[in-house]
Amino acid sequence: MKKYIFFLKLFLLSIIFYWVIKSVNINEAIKVILRTNLSFFIIAFLLNNLSSVFLTIKWHRLAKPLDLKSNFIELLKLNYISFFYSSFVPGQSSGELIKGLKLVKKEGGIQKVWIPIFIDKITNLLIVFLIGFVAVIFDESFRKNSTLVFVITLLTMFLSLTTIILFSENTDHFIKYIKDFLIKILKPFKIRTDFIKDFSLGYFKEYKKHDFLMFETLAWSLLTKIPHIFAFYLLATSLNIVLSVIQSAWLFSIISVV
């Protein structure tokens, strides 16, 4: 069975590489690479890897209250596997799915594994919106667009509230409301809702015993995203593209959200 799985993986990997080669103008890509400032490129590469280390530390801290068995090195490997799939398959969710499935296989509890992933995504999204909000405020052309500023402010406040609720005593009430809402929507379509009814976030209670974990998680999320912004800036500089750090910040935010 393992032999067949190996060949299936090899086949899928071959398709991915074939798709990449067909989608990219190789000659033009080589010309761009030859013009790249290697010093800036290497620093950007190192910053991206630094971000991976910070993300793993964040994950390791989130795993502790739930007594996950995976150590730091194992989580770091999973993050790199996740990045690989996210890079070659459209959407970051593909990488998170692979990471989640591999963790479930080792840890056993499905909700025990997916709750840290969910918290990681929510806090990351909040930090991305905060970075985008600050970048828009400091960008003179965007600052004049009151509609844009209002929408970003509203979304940032909503995500801030959601994050606070997740770590508060109101989590159970909030999740019950969401579950009832989803069941109400799906009922007319005669879709089975047993999996929604059985869904429990009991593991969140473990997080509530650690008062400063929310702030620590947000701090690690910020440390994870900041290197990406400077890596984005340095990559642009290495290709002689004129971008400021502020422009790199809001471009990074848009790309991350998309």
Protein backbone atom coordinates (compact mmCIF):
# COMPACT_ATOMS: atom_id res chain seq x y z
CA MET A 1 0.00 0.00 0.00
CA LYS A 2 2.82 2.41 0.91
CA LYS A 3 4.44 1.69 -2.46
CA TYR A 4 1.28 2.81 -4.30
CA ILE A 5 0.99 5.93 -2.15
CA PHE A 6 4.61 6.83 -2.97
CA PHE A 7 3.97 6.52 -6.72
CA LEU A 8 0.73 8.52 -6.39
CA LYS A 9 2.67 11.32 -4.65
CA LEU A 10 5.36 11.15 -7.32
CA PHE A 11 2.72 11.36 -10.06
CA LEU A 12 1.02 14.39 -8.44
CA LEU A 13 4.39 16.10 -7.93
CA SER A 14 5.22 15.54 -11.60
CA ILE A 15 1.92 17.16 -12.63
CA ILE A 16 2.65 20.17 -10.39
CA PHE A 17 6.14 20.69 -11.84
CA TYR A 18 4.83 20.24 -15.38
CA TRP A 19 2.15 22.88 -14.71
CA VAL A 20 4.78 25.29 -13.31
CA ILE A 21 7.10 24.80 -16.30
CA LYS A 22 4.24 25.29 -18.79
CA SER A 23 2.98 28.39 -16.96
CA VAL A 24 6.35 30.18 -16.77
CA ASN A 25 8.43 31.65 -19.59
CA ILE A 26 11.70 29.94 -18.68
CA ASN A 27 13.94 32.17 -20.81
CA GLU A 28 12.41 35.36 -19.40
CA ALA A 29 12.63 33.95 -15.86
CA ILE A 30 16.35 33.20 -16.33
CA LYS A 31 16.96 36.78 -17.56
CA VAL A 32 15.19 38.17 -14.48
CA ILE A 33 17.18 35.89 -12.14
CA LEU A 34 20.47 36.94 -13.76
CA ARG A 35 19.59 40.60 -13.11
CA THR A 36 18.73 39.92 -9.47
CA ASN A 37 20.84 41.51 -6.74
CA LEU A 38 21.89 38.36 -4.86
CA SER A 39 22.70 40.18 -1.61
CA PHE A 40 19.13 41.49 -1.24
CA PHE A 41 17.72 38.17 -2.44
CA ILE A 42 19.64 36.14 0.16
CA ILE A 43 18.61 38.51 2.99
CA ALA A 44 14.96 38.21 1.86
CA PHE A 45 15.31 34.41 1.80
CA LEU A 46 16.72 34.40 5.35
CA LEU A 47 13.95 36.72 6.58
CA ASN A 48 11.28 34.39 5.18
CA ASN A 49 12.89 31.48 7.02
CA LEU A 50 13.06 33.56 10.20
CA SER A 51 9.32 34.05 9.84
CA SER A 52 8.91 30.25 9.70
CA VAL A 53 10.80 29.91 12.97
CA PHE A 54 8.57 32.51 14.67
CA LEU A 55 5.46 30.76 13.32
CA THR A 56 6.66 27.44 14.74
CA ILE A 57 7.32 29.04 18.15
CA LYS A 58 3.75 30.39 18.06
CA TRP A 59 2.44 26.94 17.16
CA HIS A 60 4.51 25.33 19.89
CA ARG A 61 3.03 27.74 22.45
CA LEU A 62 -0.52 27.04 21.21
CA ALA A 63 0.11 23.28 21.37
CA LYS A 64 1.26 23.24 25.01
CA PRO A 65 -2.11 23.86 26.75
CA LEU A 66 -3.61 20.97 24.74
CA ASP A 67 -0.68 18.61 25.48
CA LEU A 68 0.11 17.97 21.81
CA LYS A 69 2.99 15.50 21.51
CA SER A 70 4.74 17.12 18.53
CA ASN A 71 8.00 18.87 19.43
CA PHE A 72 9.42 22.08 17.92
CA ILE A 73 11.36 20.35 15.10
CA GLU A 74 8.34 18.26 14.07
CA LEU A 75 6.14 21.37 13.95
CA LEU A 76 8.81 23.23 11.94
CA LYS A 77 8.87 20.37 9.40
CA LEU A 78 5.07 20.48 9.17
CA ASN A 79 5.16 24.24 8.54
CA TYR A 80 7.61 23.78 5.66
CA ILE A 81 5.42 21.01 4.21
CA SER A 82 2.44 23.37 4.53
CA PHE A 83 4.37 26.17 2.75
CA PHE A 84 5.27 23.80 -0.08
CA TYR A 85 1.65 22.85 -0.76
CA SER A 86 0.48 26.46 -0.32
CA SER A 87 3.04 27.59 -2.91
CA PHE A 88 2.16 25.06 -5.58
CA VAL A 89 -1.58 24.62 -4.97
CA PRO A 90 -3.84 27.74 -5.17
CA GLY A 91 -4.85 29.01 -1.72
CA GLN A 92 -3.14 28.77 1.66
CA SER A 93 -5.85 26.43 2.93
CA SER A 94 -4.33 23.51 0.98
CA GLY A 95 -1.15 23.70 3.05
CA GLU A 96 -3.08 24.04 6.31
CA LEU A 97 -5.21 21.03 5.36
CA ILE A 98 -2.12 18.85 4.82
CA LYS A 99 -0.62 20.09 8.10
CA GLY A 100 -3.86 19.37 9.94
CA LEU A 101 -4.23 15.86 8.49
CA LYS A 102 -0.65 14.94 9.38
CA LEU A 103 -1.11 16.24 12.93
CA VAL A 104 -4.42 14.40 13.35
CA LYS A 105 -2.69 11.18 12.30
CA LYS A 106 -0.13 11.61 15.09
CA GLU A 107 -2.16 13.31 17.82
CA GLY A 108 -5.47 11.48 17.40
CA GLY A 109 -7.99 14.16 18.41
CA ILE A 110 -9.43 16.04 15.45
CA GLN A 111 -10.72 19.06 17.37
CA LYS A 112 -7.57 19.06 19.49
CA VAL A 113 -5.54 19.65 16.32
CA TRP A 114 -7.83 21.96 14.35
CA ILE A 115 -8.44 24.45 17.17
CA PRO A 116 -4.79 25.69 17.20
CA ILE A 117 -4.95 25.94 13.39
CA PHE A 118 -8.16 27.97 13.64
CA ILE A 119 -6.69 30.29 16.29
CA ASP A 120 -3.52 30.64 14.22
CA LYS A 121 -5.51 31.69 11.13
CA ILE A 122 -7.75 34.15 13.03
CA THR A 123 -4.84 35.86 14.81
CA ASN A 124 -2.75 35.95 11.61
CA LEU A 125 -5.66 37.52 9.72
CA LEU A 126 -6.13 40.13 12.45
CA ILE A 127 -2.44 41.08 12.33
CA VAL A 128 -2.52 41.27 8.50
CA PHE A 129 -5.49 43.68 8.70
CA LEU A 130 -3.73 45.73 11.40
CA ILE A 131 -0.62 45.96 9.20
CA GLY A 132 -2.79 46.92 6.23
CA PHE A 133 -4.66 49.51 8.31
CA VAL A 134 -1.43 51.16 9.52
CA ALA A 135 0.05 51.07 5.99
CA VAL A 136 -3.08 52.70 4.49
CA ILE A 137 -3.05 55.43 7.16
CA PHE A 138 0.61 56.21 6.43
CA ASP A 139 0.16 56.08 2.63
CA GLU A 140 -0.78 59.58 1.50
CA SER A 141 -2.82 58.52 -1.56
CA PHE A 142 -4.85 55.88 0.32
CA ARG A 143 -5.39 58.08 3.36
CA LYS A 144 -7.54 60.42 1.27
CA ASN A 145 -9.94 57.57 0.40
CA SER A 146 -12.36 57.74 3.36
CA THR A 147 -14.38 54.71 2.14
CA LEU A 148 -11.29 52.48 2.06
CA VAL A 149 -10.16 53.65 5.51
CA PHE A 150 -13.68 53.05 6.91
CA VAL A 151 -13.95 49.50 5.46
CA ILE A 152 -10.49 48.46 6.69
CA THR A 153 -11.20 49.95 10.14
CA LEU A 154 -14.52 48.07 10.33
CA LEU A 155 -12.95 44.73 9.31
CA THR A 156 -10.06 45.20 11.74
CA MET A 157 -12.47 45.95 14.60
CA PHE A 158 -14.57 42.90 13.70
CA LEU A 159 -11.53 40.60 13.70
CA SER A 160 -10.31 42.14 16.98
CA LEU A 161 -13.69 41.44 18.57
CA THR A 162 -13.72 37.86 17.20
CA THR A 163 -10.23 37.22 18.62
CA ILE A 164 -11.23 38.58 22.04
CA ILE A 165 -14.39 36.43 22.06
CA LEU A 166 -12.37 33.29 21.25
CA PHE A 167 -10.31 33.75 24.42
CA SER A 168 -13.16 34.97 26.63
CA GLU A 169 -15.87 33.35 28.71
CA ASN A 170 -18.37 34.05 25.92
CA THR A 171 -16.83 31.51 23.52
CA ASP A 172 -19.44 28.81 24.17
CA HIS A 173 -22.35 31.22 23.62
CA PHE A 174 -20.76 32.57 20.45
CA ILE A 175 -20.14 29.07 19.00
CA LYS A 176 -23.66 27.92 19.94
CA TYR A 177 -25.09 30.92 18.06
CA ILE A 178 -22.97 30.10 14.97
CA LYS A 179 -23.96 26.40 15.11
CA ASP A 180 -27.69 27.21 15.41
CA PHE A 181 -27.38 29.72 12.55
CA LEU A 182 -25.67 27.18 10.25
CA ILE A 183 -28.18 24.43 11.08
CA LYS A 184 -31.05 26.84 10.35
CA ILE A 185 -29.56 27.68 6.92
CA LEU A 186 -28.82 24.05 5.97
CA LYS A 187 -32.13 22.58 7.19
CA PRO A 188 -34.24 23.61 4.13
CA PHE A 189 -31.68 21.89 1.85
CA LYS A 190 -32.05 18.62 3.80
CA ILE A 191 -28.29 18.50 4.43
CA ARG A 192 -27.19 16.41 7.41
CA THR A 193 -26.10 18.65 10.26
CA ASP A 194 -25.01 16.01 12.80
CA PHE A 195 -21.35 17.01 12.44
CA ILE A 196 -22.28 20.62 13.33
CA LYS A 197 -24.36 19.58 16.35
CA ASP A 198 -21.56 17.33 17.64
CA PHE A 199 -18.88 19.96 17.15
CA SER A 200 -17.46 21.07 20.48
CA LEU A 201 -14.86 23.63 21.47
CA GLY A 202 -14.21 22.22 24.92
CA TYR A 203 -10.48 22.49 24.28
CA PHE A 204 -10.81 26.28 24.34
CA LYS A 205 -11.26 26.02 28.11
CA GLU A 206 -7.63 24.94 28.33
CA TYR A 207 -6.57 28.20 26.71
CA LYS A 208 -8.61 30.26 29.15
CA LYS A 209 -6.38 29.02 31.98
CA HIS A 210 -3.49 30.92 30.33
CA ASP A 211 -4.45 34.58 30.69
CA PHE A 212 -1.67 36.10 28.59
CA LEU A 213 -1.73 33.52 25.79
CA MET A 214 -3.89 35.70 23.52
CA PHE A 215 -1.44 38.60 23.73
CA GLU A 216 1.51 36.24 23.29
CA THR A 217 -0.16 34.66 20.24
CA LEU A 218 -0.75 38.09 18.69
CA ALA A 219 2.87 39.08 19.40
CA TRP A 220 4.17 35.95 17.65
CA SER A 221 1.77 36.61 14.76
CA LEU A 222 3.25 40.10 14.39
CA LEU A 223 6.79 38.73 14.54
CA THR A 224 5.81 36.20 11.86
CA LYS A 225 4.47 38.84 9.47
CA ILE A 226 7.05 41.64 9.87
CA PRO A 227 9.92 39.65 8.26
CA HIS A 228 7.64 38.92 5.27
CA ILE A 229 7.11 42.65 4.69
CA PHE A 230 10.84 43.39 4.68
CA ALA A 231 11.47 40.29 2.54
CA PHE A 232 8.85 41.61 0.07
CA TYR A 233 10.60 45.00 0.07
CA LEU A 234 14.07 43.47 -0.42
CA LEU A 235 12.88 41.17 -3.23
CA ALA A 236 11.47 44.20 -5.05
CA THR A 237 14.74 46.06 -4.48
CA SER A 238 16.74 43.08 -5.77
CA LEU A 239 14.76 43.32 -9.05
CA ASN A 240 15.22 47.13 -9.22
CA ILE A 241 11.52 47.71 -8.49
CA VAL A 242 11.03 50.94 -6.53
CA LEU A 243 8.78 50.26 -3.51
CA SER A 244 8.73 51.85 -0.07
CA VAL A 245 8.32 49.75 3.08
CA ILE A 246 4.80 51.22 3.49
CA GLN A 247 3.83 50.16 -0.05
CA SER A 248 5.34 46.72 0.61
CA ALA A 249 3.21 46.47 3.78
CA TRP A 250 -0.14 47.15 2.11
CA LEU A 251 0.77 45.03 -0.93
CA PHE A 252 1.70 42.17 1.40
CA SER A 253 -1.61 42.62 3.28
CA ILE A 254 -3.67 42.49 0.09
CA ILE A 255 -1.85 39.41 -1.21
CA SER A 256 -2.20 37.63 2.18
CA VAL A 257 -5.95 38.30 2.39
CA VAL A 258 -6.51 37.22 -1.24
